[in-house]
């Protein structure tokens, strides 16, 4: 499954989290690939990928503050 243009998604997450866009882009690509592998319905992939990447970044930030 082809990944749509996600530049706006990456920019938004990077801006909101303070994480470099390159890092966010890599996370989005990896997550998109994992979620789309074998998916029959892909209408909500952008929403699901965004949510997962934000959660992963939040978890990493918490783990770094311990």
Protein backbone atom coordinates (compact mmCIF):
# COMPACT_ATOMS: atom_id res chain seq x y z
CA UNK A 1 0.00 0.00 0.00
CA UNK A 2 1.41 3.37 -1.00
CA UNK A 3 1.89 5.93 1.70
CA UNK A 4 0.27 9.30 0.93
CA UNK A 5 2.09 12.59 1.23
CA UNK A 6 2.53 12.99 4.98
CA UNK A 7 4.58 16.18 5.09
CA UNK A 8 1.84 18.10 6.92
CA UNK A 9 1.41 15.29 9.42
CA UNK A 10 5.16 15.13 10.11
CA UNK A 11 5.41 18.91 10.41
CA UNK A 12 2.50 19.05 12.85
CA UNK A 13 3.87 16.30 15.10
CA UNK A 14 7.37 17.78 15.02
CA UNK A 15 6.08 21.24 15.91
CA UNK A 16 3.85 19.97 18.73
CA UNK A 17 6.48 17.70 20.27
CA UNK A 18 9.71 19.57 19.61
CA UNK A 19 11.19 16.50 17.94
CA UNK A 20 13.20 17.04 14.74
CA UNK A 21 11.12 16.47 11.59
CA UNK A 22 13.63 13.90 10.33
CA UNK A 23 13.04 11.75 13.41
CA UNK A 24 9.27 12.13 13.16
CA UNK A 25 9.36 11.29 9.45
CA UNK A 26 11.26 8.08 10.14
CA UNK A 27 8.83 7.10 12.90
CA UNK A 28 5.83 7.84 10.68
CA UNK A 29 7.26 5.77 7.83
CA UNK A 30 8.00 2.80 10.08
CA UNK A 31 4.62 2.97 11.79
CA UNK A 32 2.78 3.39 8.48
CA UNK A 33 4.51 0.34 7.07
CA UNK A 34 3.69 -1.74 10.14
CA UNK A 35 0.03 -0.67 10.20
CA UNK A 36 -0.59 -1.00 6.47
CA UNK A 37 0.98 -4.46 6.12
CA UNK A 38 -1.97 -6.72 5.40
CA UNK A 39 -4.55 -4.01 6.09
CA UNK A 40 -7.74 -4.38 4.08
CA UNK A 41 -9.19 -1.03 5.12
CA UNK A 42 -6.77 1.89 4.99
CA UNK A 43 -9.13 4.86 5.30
CA UNK A 44 -8.01 5.72 8.82
CA UNK A 45 -4.31 4.89 8.64
CA UNK A 46 -3.24 8.54 8.84
CA UNK A 47 -5.22 9.01 12.06
CA UNK A 48 -3.95 5.78 13.61
CA UNK A 49 -0.33 6.42 12.62
CA UNK A 50 -0.47 9.97 13.99
CA UNK A 51 -1.88 8.73 17.28
CA UNK A 52 0.73 5.98 17.65
CA UNK A 53 3.69 8.23 16.81
CA UNK A 54 2.53 10.86 19.31
CA UNK A 55 2.06 8.17 21.97
CA UNK A 56 5.50 6.70 21.26
CA UNK A 57 7.14 10.13 21.51
CA UNK A 58 5.29 10.85 24.75
CA UNK A 59 6.44 7.50 26.19
CA UNK A 60 10.04 8.17 25.18
CA UNK A 61 9.91 11.58 26.82
CA UNK A 62 8.55 10.10 30.06
CA UNK A 63 11.17 7.36 30.08
CA UNK A 64 13.89 9.97 29.67
CA UNK A 65 12.71 11.90 32.74
CA UNK A 66 12.99 8.97 35.13
